[in-house]
């Protein structure tokens, strides 16, 4: 079983998205956060289950989708680091450049 570790950046990303959605629909924001947390929790058992993002293969990230978001993470056999959460329609490279990751 892998340990899930949320980075400060990922926590900030998720909070920012949830707060924006909550402005018009607090229930949808809560449901999205619950969906993301449930999908991330599954990574404890299957840390390699996400796909490799085609836009950034050099970063050794994996991703899972919780529509309308994607969760970017790095995994080894004992640890999953949740690196970022972003809207799925965003340019992944541009998002990571803005975050200082690329």
C-alpha atoms as a PDB file:
ATOM      1  CA  UNK A   1       0.000   0.000   0.000  1.00  0.00           C
ATOM      2  CA  UNK A   2       1.426   3.355  -1.056  1.00  0.00           C
ATOM      3  CA  UNK A   3       1.366   6.459   1.139  1.00  0.00           C
ATOM      4  CA  UNK A   4      -0.402   9.480  -0.408  1.00  0.00           C
ATOM      5  CA  UNK A   5       1.366  12.815   0.108  1.00  0.00           C
ATOM      6  CA  UNK A   6      -0.278  16.035  -1.065  1.00  0.00           C
ATOM      7  CA  UNK A   7       2.143  18.827  -1.933  1.00  0.00           C
ATOM      8  CA  UNK A   8       1.317  22.379  -0.886  1.00  0.00           C
ATOM      9  CA  UNK A   9       0.935  23.262  -4.575  1.00  0.00           C
ATOM     10  CA  UNK A  10      -1.653  20.527  -5.143  1.00  0.00           C
ATOM     11  CA  UNK A  11      -3.616  21.479  -2.040  1.00  0.00           C
ATOM     12  CA  UNK A  12      -3.589  25.112  -3.150  1.00  0.00           C
ATOM     13  CA  UNK A  13      -4.694  24.153  -6.680  1.00  0.00           C
ATOM     14  CA  UNK A  14      -7.617  22.079  -5.379  1.00  0.00           C
ATOM     15  CA  UNK A  15      -8.726  24.793  -2.967  1.00  0.00           C
ATOM     16  CA  UNK A  16      -8.567  27.430  -5.689  1.00  0.00           C
ATOM     17  CA  UNK A  17     -10.690  25.365  -8.082  1.00  0.00           C
ATOM     18  CA  UNK A  18     -13.222  24.448  -5.383  1.00  0.00           C
ATOM     19  CA  UNK A  19     -13.565  28.046  -4.211  1.00  0.00           C
ATOM     20  CA  UNK A  20     -14.189  29.255  -7.754  1.00  0.00           C
ATOM     21  CA  UNK A  21     -16.867  26.624  -8.410  1.00  0.00           C
ATOM     22  CA  UNK A  22     -18.450  27.243  -4.992  1.00  0.00           C
ATOM     23  CA  UNK A  23     -19.132  30.858  -5.928  1.00  0.00           C
ATOM     24  CA  UNK A  24     -21.940  29.676  -8.201  1.00  0.00           C
ATOM     25  CA  UNK A  25     -22.565  26.111  -6.994  1.00  0.00           C
ATOM     26  CA  UNK A  26     -21.329  25.037  -3.553  1.00  0.00           C
ATOM     27  CA  UNK A  27     -22.796  21.544  -3.912  1.00  0.00           C
ATOM     28  CA  UNK A  28     -20.947  20.928  -7.193  1.00  0.00           C
ATOM     29  CA  UNK A  29     -17.714  22.146  -5.581  1.00  0.00           C
ATOM     30  CA  UNK A  30     -18.118  19.734  -2.658  1.00  0.00           C
ATOM     31  CA  UNK A  31     -18.937  16.861  -5.030  1.00  0.00           C
ATOM     32  CA  UNK A  32     -15.872  17.589  -7.164  1.00  0.00           C
ATOM     33  CA  UNK A  33     -13.565  17.639  -4.139  1.00  0.00           C
ATOM     34  CA  UNK A  34     -15.078  14.368  -2.878  1.00  0.00           C
ATOM     35  CA  UNK A  35     -14.620  12.775  -6.324  1.00  0.00           C
ATOM     36  CA  UNK A  36     -10.987  13.884  -6.542  1.00  0.00           C
ATOM     37  CA  UNK A  37     -10.224  12.666  -3.014  1.00  0.00           C
ATOM     38  CA  UNK A  38     -11.853   9.278  -3.721  1.00  0.00           C
ATOM     39  CA  UNK A  39      -9.871   8.802  -6.927  1.00  0.00           C
ATOM     40  CA  UNK A  40      -6.629   9.828  -5.238  1.00  0.00           C
ATOM     41  CA  UNK A  41      -7.328   7.414  -2.378  1.00  0.00           C
ATOM     42  CA  UNK A  42      -7.467   4.543  -4.907  1.00  0.00           C
ATOM     43  CA  UNK A  43      -3.832   5.292  -5.736  1.00  0.00           C
ATOM     44  CA  UNK A  44      -2.879   3.746  -2.395  1.00  0.00           C
ATOM     45  CA  UNK A  45      -3.628   0.347  -3.929  1.00  0.00           C
ATOM     46  CA  UNK A  46      -2.776   1.107  -7.577  1.00  0.00           C
ATOM     47  CA  UNK A  47      -0.133   3.869  -7.675  1.00  0.00           C
ATOM     48  CA  UNK A  48       0.732   3.277 -11.338  1.00  0.00           C
ATOM     49  CA  UNK A  49      -2.893   3.254 -12.527  1.00  0.00           C
ATOM     50  CA  UNK A  50      -2.890   6.736 -14.062  1.00  0.00           C
ATOM     51  CA  UNK A  51      -1.703   7.437 -17.564  1.00  0.00           C
ATOM     52  CA  UNK A  52       1.411   9.329 -18.612  1.00  0.00           C
ATOM     53  CA  UNK A  53       0.444  12.818 -19.867  1.00  0.00           C
ATOM     54  CA  UNK A  54       1.542  13.059 -23.501  1.00  0.00           C
ATOM     55  CA  UNK A  55       2.386  16.760 -23.169  1.00  0.00           C
ATOM     56  CA  UNK A  56       5.041  16.222 -20.466  1.00  0.00           C
ATOM     57  CA  UNK A  57       6.598  12.742 -20.669  1.00  0.00           C
ATOM     58  CA  UNK A  58       9.956  14.121 -19.500  1.00  0.00           C
ATOM     59  CA  UNK A  59       8.599  14.972 -16.023  1.00  0.00           C
ATOM     60  CA  UNK A  60       7.723  11.379 -15.114  1.00  0.00           C
ATOM     61  CA  UNK A  61       4.233  12.446 -13.993  1.00  0.00           C
ATOM     62  CA  UNK A  62       1.124  10.342 -14.172  1.00  0.00           C
ATOM     63  CA  UNK A  63      -2.407  11.706 -14.248  1.00  0.00           C
ATOM     64  CA  UNK A  64      -5.916  10.732 -13.363  1.00  0.00           C
ATOM     65  CA  UNK A  65      -9.079  12.481 -14.391  1.00  0.00           C
ATOM     66  CA  UNK A  66     -11.912  13.669 -12.182  1.00  0.00           C
ATOM     67  CA  UNK A  67     -13.916  15.674 -14.685  1.00  0.00           C
ATOM     68  CA  UNK A  68     -13.474  18.592 -15.192  1.00  0.00           C
ATOM     69  CA  UNK A  69     -10.050  18.292 -13.539  1.00  0.00           C
ATOM     70  CA  UNK A  70      -6.868  16.308 -13.850  1.00  0.00           C
ATOM     71  CA  UNK A  71      -4.649  15.296 -10.961  1.00  0.00           C
ATOM     72  CA  UNK A  72      -0.921  15.107 -11.663  1.00  0.00           C
ATOM     73  CA  UNK A  73       1.191  12.863  -9.484  1.00  0.00           C
ATOM     74  CA  UNK A  74       4.488  11.009  -9.202  1.00  0.00           C
ATOM     75  CA  UNK A  75       4.590   7.486  -7.859  1.00  0.00           C
ATOM     76  CA  UNK A  76       7.043   4.872  -6.754  1.00  0.00           C
ATOM     77  CA  UNK A  77       6.131   1.598  -5.106  1.00  0.00           C
ATOM     78  CA  UNK A  78       5.757   3.105  -1.609  1.00  0.00           C
ATOM     79  CA  UNK A  79       4.737   6.734  -2.139  1.00  0.00           C
ATOM     80  CA  UNK A  80       2.403   8.790  -4.311  1.00  0.00           C
ATOM     81  CA  UNK A  81       3.104  12.537  -4.386  1.00  0.00           C
ATOM     82  CA  UNK A  82       0.117  14.560  -5.581  1.00  0.00           C
ATOM     83  CA  UNK A  83       1.848  17.389  -7.430  1.00  0.00           C
ATOM     84  CA  UNK A  84      -0.922  19.513  -9.018  1.00  0.00           C
ATOM     85  CA  UNK A  85      -4.633  19.684  -9.729  1.00  0.00           C
ATOM     86  CA  UNK A  86      -5.786  21.639 -12.760  1.00  0.00           C
ATOM     87  CA  UNK A  87      -8.726  22.055 -15.077  1.00  0.00           C
ATOM     88  CA  UNK A  88      -8.551  19.458 -17.837  1.00  0.00           C
ATOM     89  CA  UNK A  89      -9.015  21.983 -20.642  1.00  0.00           C
ATOM     90  CA  UNK A  90      -5.942  24.019 -19.642  1.00  0.00           C
ATOM     91  CA  UNK A  91      -2.722  23.691 -21.576  1.00  0.00           C
ATOM     92  CA  UNK A  92      -0.664  21.447 -19.332  1.00  0.00           C
ATOM     93  CA  UNK A  93       2.683  22.946 -20.373  1.00  0.00           C
ATOM     94  CA  UNK A  94       1.456  26.508 -19.829  1.00  0.00           C
ATOM     95  CA  UNK A  95      -0.012  25.567 -16.433  1.00  0.00           C
ATOM     96  CA  UNK A  96       3.283  23.998 -15.287  1.00  0.00           C
ATOM     97  CA  UNK A  97       5.331  26.936 -16.576  1.00  0.00           C
ATOM     98  CA  UNK A  98       3.090  29.293 -14.575  1.00  0.00           C
ATOM     99  CA  UNK A  99       3.638  27.099 -11.497  1.00  0.00           C
ATOM    100  CA  UNK A 100       7.410  27.053 -12.020  1.00  0.00           C
ATOM    101  CA  UNK A 101       7.516  23.293 -12.582  1.00  0.00           C
ATOM    102  CA  UNK A 102       8.736  23.425 -16.190  1.00  0.00           C
END
